[in-house]
């Protein structure tokens, strides 16, 4: 009889332990559902906007009857990633946490220039560096700045890059430098938000691209003369 009571006591104790464990597990599950699973906020990504209009470009720019290869631009270390950078003075620089570029500035600048060159009518074809085609002209460059400056005057987008145009006729390994030039401009952000920064940077890119195409046109004209 004592053994039976002892066994029954043990069984009751084990049942209470199991019930307690089930209760704790259930409470944790309910608390987890009520609190929800922590998720990171969505990251918004931006691209440099395409050029507004290149109407009339083909009439103004004579076709060189040549092709050009645009090599992928390199980048300064400061703008080597997809972070959207801002600066409040020379000693303070940061990046927007939930806003980023869709691609690196170097990739976006290269694609932007290729699109503009293709639409300009200056060359019969525009190729990437991975093409098997041979081209007389090669364009290469480096993005030096892509940042939003914040100061007492407000916010403005700053974009800069350097390009080198090469004539590789007779020397595919090195080429002859036709010209090298730095391009840089800035524009006020409106609105003063990451989206406004992206829009202003796109406008700056449009401006610099047209200047570069004009310079290439002049350089090719001088070569003919």
N, C-alpha and C. Protein backbone atom coordinates (compact mmCIF):
# COMPACT_ATOMS: atom_id res chain seq x y z
N UNK A 1 0.82 -1.21 0.00
CA UNK A 1 0.00 0.00 0.00
C UNK A 1 0.86 1.26 0.00
N UNK A 2 1.93 1.23 0.79
CA UNK A 2 2.84 2.37 0.85
C UNK A 2 3.53 2.57 -0.50
N UNK A 3 3.91 1.41 -1.12
CA UNK A 3 4.57 1.52 -2.43
C UNK A 3 3.63 2.15 -3.46
N UNK A 4 2.35 1.76 -3.37
CA UNK A 4 1.37 2.31 -4.31
C UNK A 4 1.21 3.82 -4.12
N UNK A 5 1.13 4.25 -2.88
CA UNK A 5 1.00 5.67 -2.61
C UNK A 5 2.24 6.44 -3.06
N UNK A 6 3.40 5.82 -2.83
CA UNK A 6 4.66 6.47 -3.23
C UNK A 6 4.72 6.63 -4.75
N UNK A 7 4.31 5.60 -5.49
CA UNK A 7 4.33 5.65 -6.96
C UNK A 7 3.32 6.68 -7.46
N UNK A 8 2.16 6.73 -6.80
CA UNK A 8 1.15 7.70 -7.20
C UNK A 8 1.62 9.12 -6.96
N UNK A 9 2.36 9.32 -5.86
CA UNK A 9 2.90 10.65 -5.57
C UNK A 9 3.91 11.08 -6.62
N UNK A 10 4.74 10.14 -7.02
CA UNK A 10 5.74 10.45 -8.06
C UNK A 10 5.05 10.79 -9.38
N UNK A 11 4.02 10.03 -9.72
CA UNK A 11 3.30 10.27 -10.97
C UNK A 11 2.66 11.66 -10.96
N UNK A 12 2.09 12.03 -9.81
CA UNK A 12 1.47 13.36 -9.71
C UNK A 12 2.51 14.47 -9.86
N UNK A 13 3.69 14.24 -9.26
CA UNK A 13 4.76 15.25 -9.34
C UNK A 13 5.23 15.41 -10.78
N UNK A 14 5.39 14.30 -11.48
CA UNK A 14 5.81 14.36 -12.88
C UNK A 14 4.75 15.05 -13.73
N UNK A 15 3.49 14.78 -13.42
CA UNK A 15 2.41 15.42 -14.18
C UNK A 15 2.43 16.92 -13.98
N UNK A 16 2.67 17.34 -12.71
CA UNK A 16 2.73 18.78 -12.45
C UNK A 16 3.89 19.43 -13.19
N UNK A 17 5.03 18.72 -13.25
CA UNK A 17 6.21 19.26 -13.95
C UNK A 17 5.91 19.42 -15.45
N UNK A 18 5.28 18.35 -16.01
CA UNK A 18 4.95 18.41 -17.43
C UNK A 18 3.94 19.53 -17.71
N UNK A 19 2.97 19.66 -16.82
CA UNK A 19 1.98 20.72 -17.01
C UNK A 19 2.62 22.10 -16.93
N UNK A 20 3.56 22.24 -15.99
CA UNK A 20 4.26 23.52 -15.86
C UNK A 20 5.08 23.84 -17.09
N UNK A 21 5.75 22.80 -17.62
CA UNK A 21 6.57 23.00 -18.82
C UNK A 21 5.70 23.40 -20.00
N UNK A 22 4.55 22.73 -20.14
CA UNK A 22 3.62 23.07 -21.23
C UNK A 22 3.11 24.50 -21.08
N UNK A 23 2.83 24.90 -19.83
CA UNK A 23 2.34 26.26 -19.59
C UNK A 23 3.39 27.30 -19.98
N UNK A 24 4.64 27.05 -19.57
CA UNK A 24 5.72 28.00 -19.88
C UNK A 24 5.94 28.10 -21.38
N UNK A 25 5.95 26.92 -22.05
CA UNK A 25 6.13 26.91 -23.50
C UNK A 25 5.01 27.67 -24.19
N UNK A 26 3.79 27.43 -23.73
CA UNK A 26 2.65 28.13 -24.32
C UNK A 26 2.72 29.62 -24.10
N UNK A 27 3.14 30.02 -22.91
CA UNK A 27 3.26 31.45 -22.62
C UNK A 27 4.30 32.11 -23.52
N UNK A 28 5.42 31.41 -23.72
CA UNK A 28 6.47 31.95 -24.60
C UNK A 28 5.97 32.10 -26.02
N UNK A 29 5.21 31.11 -26.50
CA UNK A 29 4.68 31.19 -27.86
C UNK A 29 3.70 32.35 -28.01
N UNK A 30 2.82 32.50 -27.01
CA UNK A 30 1.86 33.59 -27.06
C UNK A 30 2.56 34.94 -27.00
N UNK A 31 3.56 35.04 -26.12
CA UNK A 31 4.31 36.31 -26.00
C UNK A 31 5.02 36.62 -27.29
N UNK A 32 5.57 35.57 -27.92
CA UNK A 32 6.27 35.79 -29.19
C UNK A 32 5.33 36.27 -30.27
N UNK A 33 4.14 35.66 -30.33
CA UNK A 33 3.16 36.09 -31.34
C UNK A 33 2.68 37.50 -31.07
N UNK A 34 2.46 37.82 -29.80
CA UNK A 34 1.97 39.16 -29.46
C UNK A 34 3.01 40.22 -29.78
N UNK A 35 4.28 39.91 -29.46
CA UNK A 35 5.33 40.89 -29.71
C UNK A 35 5.70 40.97 -31.17
N UNK A 36 5.47 39.88 -31.93
CA UNK A 36 5.83 39.87 -33.33
C UNK A 36 7.32 39.63 -33.50
N UNK A 37 7.68 39.23 -34.70
CA UNK A 37 9.09 38.99 -35.02
C UNK A 37 9.71 40.29 -35.49
N UNK A 38 10.82 40.66 -34.91
CA UNK A 38 11.48 41.91 -35.27
C UNK A 38 11.99 41.85 -36.70
N UNK A 39 11.63 42.81 -37.51
CA UNK A 39 12.07 42.87 -38.90
C UNK A 39 12.71 44.22 -39.16
N UNK A 40 13.66 44.22 -40.06
CA UNK A 40 14.33 45.47 -40.42
C UNK A 40 13.45 46.28 -41.36
N UNK A 41 13.43 47.59 -41.22
CA UNK A 41 12.65 48.43 -42.14
C UNK A 41 13.13 48.25 -43.58
N UNK A 42 12.22 48.42 -44.53
CA UNK A 42 12.58 48.31 -45.94
C UNK A 42 13.60 49.38 -46.31
N UNK A 43 14.53 48.99 -47.17
CA UNK A 43 15.54 49.92 -47.67
C UNK A 43 15.10 50.42 -49.04
N UNK A 44 15.03 51.72 -49.21
CA UNK A 44 14.67 52.32 -50.50
C UNK A 44 15.93 52.53 -51.31
N UNK A 45 15.87 52.12 -52.58
CA UNK A 45 17.05 52.24 -53.46
C UNK A 45 16.75 53.20 -54.60
N UNK A 46 17.77 53.95 -55.00
CA UNK A 46 17.61 54.98 -56.01
C UNK A 46 18.62 54.80 -57.14
N UNK A 47 18.24 55.31 -58.31
CA UNK A 47 19.14 55.32 -59.46
C UNK A 47 19.32 56.75 -59.94
N UNK A 48 20.40 56.99 -60.65
CA UNK A 48 20.55 58.27 -61.32
C UNK A 48 19.51 58.33 -62.42
N UNK A 49 18.72 59.39 -62.43
CA UNK A 49 17.64 59.48 -63.40
C UNK A 49 18.20 59.58 -64.81
N UNK A 50 17.49 59.03 -65.81
CA UNK A 50 17.94 59.13 -67.20
C UNK A 50 17.87 60.56 -67.68
N UNK A 51 18.56 60.90 -68.76
CA UNK A 51 18.54 62.27 -69.28
C UNK A 51 17.13 62.69 -69.64
N UNK A 52 16.83 63.96 -69.40
CA UNK A 52 15.49 64.48 -69.68
C UNK A 52 15.17 64.43 -71.17
N UNK A 53 16.09 64.92 -71.97
CA UNK A 53 15.85 64.95 -73.40
C UNK A 53 17.17 65.17 -74.14
N UNK A 54 17.33 64.45 -75.24
CA UNK A 54 18.48 64.66 -76.10
C UNK A 54 18.01 65.00 -77.52
N UNK A 55 16.84 65.61 -77.61
CA UNK A 55 16.31 65.97 -78.91
C UNK A 55 17.24 66.95 -79.61
N UNK A 56 17.45 66.70 -80.89
CA UNK A 56 18.31 67.57 -81.66
C UNK A 56 19.78 67.22 -81.56
N UNK A 57 20.15 66.27 -80.72
CA UNK A 57 21.56 65.93 -80.55
C UNK A 57 22.15 65.38 -81.84
N UNK A 58 21.40 64.56 -82.57
CA UNK A 58 21.93 63.96 -83.78
C UNK A 58 22.18 65.01 -84.85
N UNK A 59 21.42 66.10 -84.86
CA UNK A 59 21.62 67.14 -85.85
C UNK A 59 22.84 68.00 -85.49
N UNK A 60 23.13 68.14 -84.21
CA UNK A 60 24.22 69.00 -83.78
C UNK A 60 25.56 68.27 -83.79
N UNK A 61 25.55 66.96 -83.57
CA UNK A 61 26.79 66.20 -83.46
C UNK A 61 27.03 65.40 -84.72
N UNK A 62 28.12 65.65 -85.45
CA UNK A 62 28.40 64.87 -86.66
C UNK A 62 28.84 63.46 -86.30
N UNK A 63 28.40 62.48 -87.07
CA UNK A 63 28.79 61.09 -86.82
C UNK A 63 30.24 60.89 -87.23
N UNK A 64 31.03 60.26 -86.36
CA UNK A 64 32.45 60.06 -86.64
C UNK A 64 32.69 58.83 -87.51
N UNK A 65 31.64 58.04 -87.74
CA UNK A 65 31.74 56.79 -88.48
C UNK A 65 32.69 55.81 -87.81
N UNK A 66 32.89 55.98 -86.53
CA UNK A 66 33.73 55.08 -85.74
C UNK A 66 32.90 54.51 -84.59
N UNK A 67 33.47 53.54 -83.91
CA UNK A 67 32.83 52.98 -82.72
C UNK A 67 33.68 53.30 -81.49
N UNK A 68 33.08 53.13 -80.34
CA UNK A 68 33.80 53.42 -79.09
C UNK A 68 33.49 52.35 -78.05
N UNK A 69 34.48 52.03 -77.25
CA UNK A 69 34.32 51.12 -76.13
C UNK A 69 34.36 51.95 -74.84
N UNK A 70 33.35 51.80 -74.01
CA UNK A 70 33.31 52.49 -72.71
C UNK A 70 33.66 51.47 -71.64
N UNK A 71 34.79 51.66 -71.02
CA UNK A 71 35.21 50.76 -69.96
C UNK A 71 34.52 51.11 -68.65
N UNK A 72 34.31 50.10 -67.84
CA UNK A 72 33.69 50.33 -66.54
C UNK A 72 34.57 51.27 -65.72
N UNK A 73 33.94 52.34 -65.19
CA UNK A 73 34.67 53.33 -64.41
C UNK A 73 35.12 52.72 -63.08
N UNK A 74 36.25 53.19 -62.61
CA UNK A 74 36.69 52.87 -61.26
C UNK A 74 36.09 53.91 -60.32
N UNK A 75 36.44 53.84 -59.05
CA UNK A 75 35.83 54.75 -58.09
C UNK A 75 36.80 55.07 -56.97
N UNK A 76 36.68 56.28 -56.45
CA UNK A 76 37.41 56.63 -55.24
C UNK A 76 36.87 55.79 -54.09
N UNK A 77 37.71 55.51 -53.12
CA UNK A 77 37.33 54.62 -52.02
C UNK A 77 36.11 55.15 -51.27
N UNK A 78 35.98 56.45 -51.16
CA UNK A 78 34.89 57.03 -50.38
C UNK A 78 33.52 56.72 -50.95
N UNK A 79 33.42 56.50 -52.26
CA UNK A 79 32.12 56.22 -52.89
C UNK A 79 32.17 54.90 -53.66
N UNK A 80 32.79 53.92 -53.04
CA UNK A 80 33.00 52.63 -53.70
C UNK A 80 31.84 51.68 -53.51
N UNK A 81 30.89 51.99 -52.62
CA UNK A 81 29.76 51.11 -52.38
C UNK A 81 28.46 51.72 -52.84
N UNK A 82 27.34 51.18 -52.32
CA UNK A 82 26.03 51.69 -52.69
C UNK A 82 25.44 52.65 -51.65
N UNK A 83 26.22 52.98 -50.62
CA UNK A 83 25.71 53.89 -49.59
C UNK A 83 25.48 55.28 -50.16
N UNK A 84 24.40 55.92 -49.71
CA UNK A 84 24.15 57.32 -50.07
C UNK A 84 24.79 58.18 -49.00
N UNK A 85 25.87 58.82 -49.35
CA UNK A 85 26.68 59.55 -48.38
C UNK A 85 26.23 61.00 -48.25
N UNK A 86 26.40 61.53 -47.05
CA UNK A 86 26.17 62.96 -46.82
C UNK A 86 27.29 63.48 -45.93
N UNK A 87 27.50 64.78 -45.98
CA UNK A 87 28.57 65.40 -45.20
C UNK A 87 28.08 66.70 -44.59
N UNK A 88 28.39 66.87 -43.30
CA UNK A 88 28.11 68.13 -42.60
C UNK A 88 29.45 68.76 -42.21
N UNK A 89 30.17 69.21 -43.18
CA UNK A 89 31.49 69.76 -42.91
C UNK A 89 32.57 68.73 -43.19
N UNK A 90 33.80 69.19 -43.21
CA UNK A 90 34.91 68.33 -43.58
C UNK A 90 35.17 67.22 -42.58
N UNK A 91 34.73 67.39 -41.34
CA UNK A 91 35.06 66.41 -40.30
C UNK A 91 33.94 65.42 -40.01
N UNK A 92 32.77 65.60 -40.63
CA UNK A 92 31.64 64.72 -40.34
C UNK A 92 31.04 64.18 -41.62
N UNK A 93 31.02 62.87 -41.73
CA UNK A 93 30.45 62.22 -42.90
C UNK A 93 29.67 60.99 -42.46
N UNK A 94 28.53 60.77 -43.09
CA UNK A 94 27.71 59.63 -42.73
C UNK A 94 26.99 59.08 -43.95
N UNK A 95 26.12 58.08 -43.71
CA UNK A 95 25.36 57.46 -44.79
C UNK A 95 23.94 57.22 -44.30
N UNK A 96 22.99 57.41 -45.19
CA UNK A 96 21.60 57.15 -44.84
C UNK A 96 21.43 55.65 -44.56
N UNK A 97 20.71 55.36 -43.48
CA UNK A 97 20.59 53.98 -43.03
C UNK A 97 19.64 53.16 -43.89
N UNK A 98 18.52 53.76 -44.28
CA UNK A 98 17.50 53.01 -45.01
C UNK A 98 17.32 53.51 -46.44
N UNK A 99 18.33 54.20 -46.96
CA UNK A 99 18.30 54.68 -48.34
C UNK A 99 19.66 54.39 -48.97
N UNK A 100 19.66 53.74 -50.13
CA UNK A 100 20.90 53.37 -50.79
C UNK A 100 20.75 53.55 -52.30
N UNK A 101 21.89 53.62 -52.98
CA UNK A 101 21.89 53.61 -54.44
C UNK A 101 21.57 52.19 -54.91
N UNK A 102 20.95 52.10 -56.07
CA UNK A 102 20.64 50.79 -56.64
C UNK A 102 21.91 50.06 -57.03
N UNK A 103 22.89 50.82 -57.49
CA UNK A 103 24.19 50.28 -57.88
C UNK A 103 25.26 51.23 -57.39
N UNK A 104 26.51 50.87 -57.56
CA UNK A 104 27.58 51.78 -57.15
C UNK A 104 27.57 53.00 -58.06
N UNK A 105 28.02 54.16 -57.59
CA UNK A 105 28.09 55.34 -58.45
C UNK A 105 28.89 55.09 -59.72
N UNK A 106 29.97 54.32 -59.62
CA UNK A 106 30.79 54.04 -60.81
C UNK A 106 29.98 53.28 -61.86
N UNK A 107 29.20 52.28 -61.42
CA UNK A 107 28.37 51.52 -62.35
C UNK A 107 27.30 52.42 -62.97
N UNK A 108 26.66 53.26 -62.16
CA UNK A 108 25.59 54.10 -62.67
C UNK A 108 26.11 55.17 -63.62
N UNK A 109 27.26 55.75 -63.32
CA UNK A 109 27.84 56.76 -64.21
C UNK A 109 28.22 56.13 -65.54
N UNK A 110 28.81 54.95 -65.51
CA UNK A 110 29.18 54.26 -66.74
C UNK A 110 27.96 53.99 -67.61
N UNK A 111 26.92 53.45 -67.00
CA UNK A 111 25.70 53.15 -67.75
C UNK A 111 25.05 54.41 -68.31
N UNK A 112 25.07 55.48 -67.52
CA UNK A 112 24.48 56.75 -67.94
C UNK A 112 25.21 57.28 -69.17
N UNK A 113 26.54 57.27 -69.14
CA UNK A 113 27.32 57.79 -70.25
C UNK A 113 27.16 56.93 -71.50
N UNK A 114 27.09 55.61 -71.31
CA UNK A 114 26.89 54.73 -72.46
C UNK A 114 25.55 55.03 -73.14
N UNK A 115 24.52 55.24 -72.34
CA UNK A 115 23.20 55.54 -72.90
C UNK A 115 23.23 56.86 -73.66
N UNK A 116 23.86 57.87 -73.07
CA UNK A 116 23.91 59.18 -73.74
C UNK A 116 24.74 59.11 -75.02
N UNK A 117 25.86 58.43 -74.98
CA UNK A 117 26.70 58.30 -76.17
C UNK A 117 25.97 57.55 -77.28
N UNK A 118 25.19 56.55 -76.90
CA UNK A 118 24.44 55.78 -77.90
C UNK A 118 23.39 56.65 -78.57
N UNK A 119 22.76 57.53 -77.79
CA UNK A 119 21.70 58.38 -78.31
C UNK A 119 22.23 59.63 -79.01
N UNK A 120 23.50 59.93 -78.81
CA UNK A 120 24.04 61.18 -79.36
C UNK A 120 24.24 61.14 -80.86
N UNK A 121 24.45 59.95 -81.43
CA UNK A 121 24.72 59.85 -82.85
C UNK A 121 26.16 60.13 -83.21
N UNK A 122 27.01 60.36 -82.23
CA UNK A 122 28.42 60.66 -82.50
C UNK A 122 29.17 59.44 -83.02
N UNK A 123 28.81 58.26 -82.53
CA UNK A 123 29.47 57.03 -82.96
C UNK A 123 28.45 56.08 -83.58
N UNK A 124 28.95 55.22 -84.47
CA UNK A 124 28.05 54.26 -85.09
C UNK A 124 27.62 53.18 -84.12
N UNK A 125 28.44 52.92 -83.10
CA UNK A 125 28.09 51.94 -82.08
C UNK A 125 28.88 52.22 -80.81
N UNK A 126 28.28 51.88 -79.67
CA UNK A 126 28.92 52.03 -78.36
C UNK A 126 28.94 50.67 -77.69
N UNK A 127 30.13 50.20 -77.32
CA UNK A 127 30.29 48.87 -76.75
C UNK A 127 30.82 48.94 -75.32
N UNK A 128 30.61 47.85 -74.59
CA UNK A 128 31.24 47.70 -73.28
C UNK A 128 32.63 47.11 -73.47
N UNK A 129 33.39 47.08 -72.41
CA UNK A 129 34.75 46.55 -72.49
C UNK A 129 34.78 45.05 -72.69
N UNK A 130 33.64 44.39 -72.51
CA UNK A 130 33.59 42.94 -72.64
C UNK A 130 33.25 42.47 -74.06
N UNK A 131 33.09 43.42 -74.96
CA UNK A 131 32.75 43.06 -76.33
C UNK A 131 33.94 42.43 -77.06
N UNK A 132 33.63 41.64 -78.06
CA UNK A 132 34.67 41.06 -78.90
C UNK A 132 35.00 41.96 -80.08
N UNK A 133 34.19 43.02 -80.24
CA UNK A 133 34.42 43.95 -81.33
C UNK A 133 35.64 44.83 -81.03
N UNK A 134 36.26 45.31 -82.11
CA UNK A 134 37.38 46.24 -81.96
C UNK A 134 36.89 47.65 -82.28
N UNK A 135 37.33 48.60 -81.47
CA UNK A 135 36.92 49.99 -81.66
C UNK A 135 38.14 50.89 -81.66
N UNK A 136 38.04 51.95 -82.41
CA UNK A 136 39.16 52.90 -82.48
C UNK A 136 39.30 53.68 -81.18
N UNK A 137 38.14 54.08 -80.62
CA UNK A 137 38.17 54.92 -79.43
C UNK A 137 37.80 54.13 -78.17
N UNK A 138 38.49 54.47 -77.09
CA UNK A 138 38.19 53.89 -75.78
C UNK A 138 37.99 55.04 -74.80
N UNK A 139 36.96 54.90 -73.97
CA UNK A 139 36.70 55.89 -72.93
C UNK A 139 36.81 55.19 -71.57
N UNK A 140 37.61 55.75 -70.71
CA UNK A 140 37.72 55.21 -69.36
C UNK A 140 37.66 56.35 -68.36
N UNK A 141 37.35 56.04 -67.11
CA UNK A 141 37.22 57.12 -66.14
C UNK A 141 37.16 56.63 -64.70
N UNK A 142 36.96 57.59 -63.83
CA UNK A 142 36.95 57.31 -62.39
C UNK A 142 36.00 58.28 -61.71
N UNK A 143 35.07 57.76 -60.91
CA UNK A 143 34.17 58.61 -60.14
C UNK A 143 34.91 59.10 -58.90
N UNK A 144 34.95 60.40 -58.72
CA UNK A 144 35.71 60.99 -57.61
C UNK A 144 34.83 61.47 -56.46
N UNK A 145 33.57 61.82 -56.78
CA UNK A 145 32.66 62.31 -55.74
C UNK A 145 31.23 61.91 -56.06
N UNK A 146 30.50 61.58 -55.02
CA UNK A 146 29.06 61.37 -55.13
C UNK A 146 28.51 61.49 -53.71
N UNK A 147 28.12 62.71 -53.33
CA UNK A 147 27.80 62.96 -51.94
C UNK A 147 26.80 64.12 -51.83
N UNK A 148 26.09 64.15 -50.74
CA UNK A 148 25.18 65.26 -50.44
C UNK A 148 25.84 66.14 -49.38
N UNK A 149 25.98 67.40 -49.69
CA UNK A 149 26.58 68.36 -48.76
C UNK A 149 25.46 69.07 -48.01
N UNK A 150 25.55 69.07 -46.69
CA UNK A 150 24.55 69.74 -45.84
C UNK A 150 25.25 70.84 -45.06
N UNK A 151 24.81 72.08 -45.28
CA UNK A 151 25.41 73.21 -44.56
C UNK A 151 24.36 74.30 -44.38
N UNK A 152 24.81 75.47 -44.01
CA UNK A 152 23.89 76.57 -43.73
C UNK A 152 23.10 76.99 -44.95
N UNK A 153 23.61 76.71 -46.13
CA UNK A 153 22.93 77.09 -47.36
C UNK A 153 21.89 76.05 -47.80
N UNK A 154 21.77 74.97 -47.06
CA UNK A 154 20.82 73.93 -47.43
C UNK A 154 21.52 72.64 -47.79
N UNK A 155 20.90 71.89 -48.68
CA UNK A 155 21.46 70.61 -49.11
C UNK A 155 21.67 70.62 -50.63
N UNK A 156 22.79 70.07 -51.06
CA UNK A 156 23.05 70.02 -52.49
C UNK A 156 23.81 68.73 -52.83
N UNK A 157 23.51 68.21 -54.01
CA UNK A 157 24.17 67.01 -54.50
C UNK A 157 25.43 67.40 -55.25
N UNK A 158 26.52 66.68 -54.96
CA UNK A 158 27.80 66.92 -55.63
C UNK A 158 28.22 65.63 -56.32
N UNK A 159 28.52 65.74 -57.60
CA UNK A 159 28.95 64.58 -58.38
C UNK A 159 30.16 64.98 -59.21
N UNK A 160 31.17 64.13 -59.22
CA UNK A 160 32.36 64.42 -60.01
C UNK A 160 33.00 63.16 -60.55
N UNK A 161 33.58 63.26 -61.73
CA UNK A 161 34.30 62.14 -62.31
C UNK A 161 35.34 62.67 -63.29
N UNK A 162 36.32 61.86 -63.58
CA UNK A 162 37.34 62.20 -64.56
C UNK A 162 37.31 61.18 -65.68
N UNK A 163 37.53 61.63 -66.92
CA UNK A 163 37.52 60.71 -68.06
C UNK A 163 38.77 60.89 -68.89
N UNK A 164 39.10 59.86 -69.62
CA UNK A 164 40.22 59.90 -70.57
C UNK A 164 39.74 59.24 -71.85
N UNK A 165 39.92 59.94 -72.97
CA UNK A 165 39.56 59.40 -74.28
C UNK A 165 40.83 58.98 -74.99
N UNK A 166 40.86 57.73 -75.44
CA UNK A 166 42.04 57.17 -76.08
C UNK A 166 41.75 56.79 -77.52
N UNK A 167 42.74 56.99 -78.39
CA UNK A 167 42.70 56.49 -79.76
C UNK A 167 43.66 55.31 -79.82
N UNK A 168 43.11 54.13 -79.99
CA UNK A 168 43.94 52.92 -79.92
C UNK A 168 44.34 52.42 -81.31
N UNK A 169 44.21 53.25 -82.33
CA UNK A 169 44.60 52.86 -83.67
C UNK A 169 46.08 52.47 -83.70
N UNK A 170 46.36 51.25 -84.09
CA UNK A 170 47.75 50.79 -84.20
C UNK A 170 48.39 50.42 -82.88
N UNK A 171 47.70 50.63 -81.77
CA UNK A 171 48.28 50.28 -80.46
C UNK A 171 47.15 49.88 -79.52
N UNK A 172 46.71 48.64 -79.62
CA UNK A 172 45.58 48.18 -78.83
C UNK A 172 45.92 48.05 -77.34
N UNK A 173 47.18 47.91 -77.02
CA UNK A 173 47.55 47.69 -75.62
C UNK A 173 47.59 48.99 -74.82
N UNK A 174 47.97 50.11 -75.47
CA UNK A 174 48.11 51.36 -74.73
C UNK A 174 47.19 52.44 -75.27
N UNK A 175 47.32 52.76 -76.53
CA UNK A 175 46.51 53.82 -77.10
C UNK A 175 47.14 55.19 -76.91
N UNK A 176 46.66 56.14 -77.68
CA UNK A 176 47.16 57.52 -77.59
C UNK A 176 46.10 58.39 -76.94
N UNK A 177 46.51 59.13 -75.93
CA UNK A 177 45.58 59.97 -75.20
C UNK A 177 45.15 61.15 -76.05
N UNK A 178 43.84 61.29 -76.25
CA UNK A 178 43.29 62.43 -76.99
C UNK A 178 43.02 63.58 -76.02
N UNK A 179 42.36 63.29 -74.92
CA UNK A 179 42.20 64.30 -73.88
C UNK A 179 41.80 63.62 -72.58
N UNK A 180 42.10 64.32 -71.49
CA UNK A 180 41.71 63.89 -70.15
C UNK A 180 41.15 65.11 -69.42
N UNK A 181 40.01 64.91 -68.75
CA UNK A 181 39.37 66.08 -68.14
C UNK A 181 38.57 65.66 -66.91
N UNK A 182 38.51 66.59 -65.94
CA UNK A 182 37.70 66.39 -64.75
C UNK A 182 36.36 67.11 -64.92
N UNK A 183 35.31 66.45 -64.51
CA UNK A 183 33.97 67.03 -64.56
C UNK A 183 33.37 67.00 -63.15
N UNK A 184 32.85 68.13 -62.75
CA UNK A 184 32.26 68.22 -61.41
C UNK A 184 31.21 69.32 -61.40
N UNK A 185 30.10 69.06 -60.74
CA UNK A 185 29.05 70.07 -60.61
C UNK A 185 28.21 69.73 -59.38
N UNK A 186 27.40 70.68 -58.96
CA UNK A 186 26.53 70.47 -57.83
C UNK A 186 25.19 71.15 -58.08
N UNK A 187 24.16 70.66 -57.39
CA UNK A 187 22.82 71.21 -57.56
C UNK A 187 22.05 71.06 -56.26
N UNK A 188 21.21 72.05 -55.96
CA UNK A 188 20.41 72.01 -54.74
C UNK A 188 19.43 70.86 -54.77
N UNK A 189 19.25 70.23 -53.61
CA UNK A 189 18.32 69.11 -53.49
C UNK A 189 16.92 69.65 -53.22
N UNK A 190 15.98 69.22 -54.00
CA UNK A 190 14.58 69.64 -53.81
C UNK A 190 13.67 68.46 -54.14
N UNK A 191 13.01 67.93 -53.11
CA UNK A 191 13.01 68.34 -51.70
C UNK A 191 14.31 67.91 -51.01
N UNK A 192 14.50 68.39 -49.80
CA UNK A 192 15.73 68.07 -49.07
C UNK A 192 15.58 66.72 -48.36
N UNK A 193 15.52 65.69 -49.16
CA UNK A 193 15.36 64.31 -48.70
C UNK A 193 16.28 63.42 -49.52
N UNK A 194 16.44 62.16 -49.15
CA UNK A 194 17.24 61.25 -49.98
C UNK A 194 16.72 61.18 -51.41
N UNK A 195 15.40 61.21 -51.59
CA UNK A 195 14.84 61.20 -52.94
C UNK A 195 15.23 62.47 -53.70
N UNK A 196 15.24 63.61 -52.99
CA UNK A 196 15.66 64.85 -53.61
C UNK A 196 17.14 64.83 -53.96
N UNK A 197 17.94 64.19 -53.11
CA UNK A 197 19.37 64.02 -53.38
C UNK A 197 19.56 63.22 -54.67
N UNK A 198 18.83 62.11 -54.81
CA UNK A 198 18.95 61.27 -55.99
C UNK A 198 18.54 62.02 -57.25
N UNK A 199 17.46 62.80 -57.14
CA UNK A 199 16.99 63.57 -58.31
C UNK A 199 18.00 64.63 -58.71
N UNK A 200 18.56 65.33 -57.72
CA UNK A 200 19.55 66.37 -58.02
C UNK A 200 20.82 65.76 -58.62
N UNK A 201 21.23 64.61 -58.09
CA UNK A 201 22.42 63.93 -58.63
C UNK A 201 22.18 63.52 -60.08
N UNK A 202 20.95 63.09 -60.39
CA UNK A 202 20.63 62.74 -61.76
C UNK A 202 20.70 63.94 -62.69
N UNK A 203 20.24 65.09 -62.22
CA UNK A 203 20.32 66.31 -63.01
C UNK A 203 21.77 66.73 -63.25
N UNK A 204 22.60 66.59 -62.21
CA UNK A 204 24.02 66.91 -62.36
C UNK A 204 24.66 65.97 -63.38
N UNK A 205 24.31 64.69 -63.31
CA UNK A 205 24.87 63.72 -64.23
C UNK A 205 24.48 64.04 -65.66
N UNK A 206 23.25 64.46 -65.85
CA UNK A 206 22.77 64.86 -67.18
C UNK A 206 23.60 66.03 -67.72
N UNK A 207 23.84 67.01 -66.86
CA UNK A 207 24.62 68.19 -67.25
C UNK A 207 26.06 67.81 -67.63
N UNK A 208 26.70 67.01 -66.79
CA UNK A 208 28.09 66.64 -67.04
C UNK A 208 28.23 65.73 -68.26
N UNK A 209 27.25 64.87 -68.46
CA UNK A 209 27.30 63.98 -69.62
C UNK A 209 27.27 64.77 -70.93
N UNK A 210 26.42 65.78 -70.98
CA UNK A 210 26.33 66.60 -72.20
C UNK A 210 27.62 67.39 -72.42
N UNK A 211 28.23 67.86 -71.33
CA UNK A 211 29.51 68.57 -71.47
C UNK A 211 30.58 67.63 -72.01
N UNK A 212 30.61 66.41 -71.49
CA UNK A 212 31.61 65.46 -71.94
C UNK A 212 31.43 65.10 -73.41
N UNK A 213 30.19 64.89 -73.85
CA UNK A 213 29.94 64.56 -75.25
C UNK A 213 30.35 65.72 -76.15
N UNK A 214 30.11 66.95 -75.70
CA UNK A 214 30.53 68.12 -76.47
C UNK A 214 32.05 68.17 -76.58
N UNK A 215 32.75 67.86 -75.49
CA UNK A 215 34.22 67.85 -75.52
C UNK A 215 34.75 66.76 -76.44
N UNK A 216 34.12 65.60 -76.42
CA UNK A 216 34.55 64.51 -77.31
C UNK A 216 34.34 64.91 -78.77
N UNK A 217 33.23 65.56 -79.04
CA UNK A 217 32.94 66.04 -80.39
C UNK A 217 34.01 67.01 -80.86
N UNK A 218 34.36 67.98 -80.03
CA UNK A 218 35.39 68.95 -80.38
C UNK A 218 36.73 68.26 -80.61
N UNK A 219 37.05 67.28 -79.78
CA UNK A 219 38.34 66.58 -79.91
C UNK A 219 38.41 65.81 -81.22
N UNK A 220 37.32 65.19 -81.61
CA UNK A 220 37.30 64.43 -82.86
C UNK A 220 37.39 65.37 -84.06
N UNK A 221 36.71 66.52 -83.96
CA UNK A 221 36.80 67.52 -85.04
C UNK A 221 38.23 68.00 -85.22
N UNK A 222 38.95 68.26 -84.13
CA UNK A 222 40.33 68.72 -84.20
C UNK A 222 41.24 67.66 -84.81
N UNK A 223 40.95 66.40 -84.53
CA UNK A 223 41.76 65.33 -85.11
C UNK A 223 41.60 65.28 -86.62
N UNK A 224 40.40 65.55 -87.09
CA UNK A 224 40.16 65.55 -88.53
C UNK A 224 40.91 66.68 -89.21
N UNK A 225 40.98 67.81 -88.53
CA UNK A 225 41.67 68.97 -89.11
C UNK A 225 43.17 68.80 -89.03
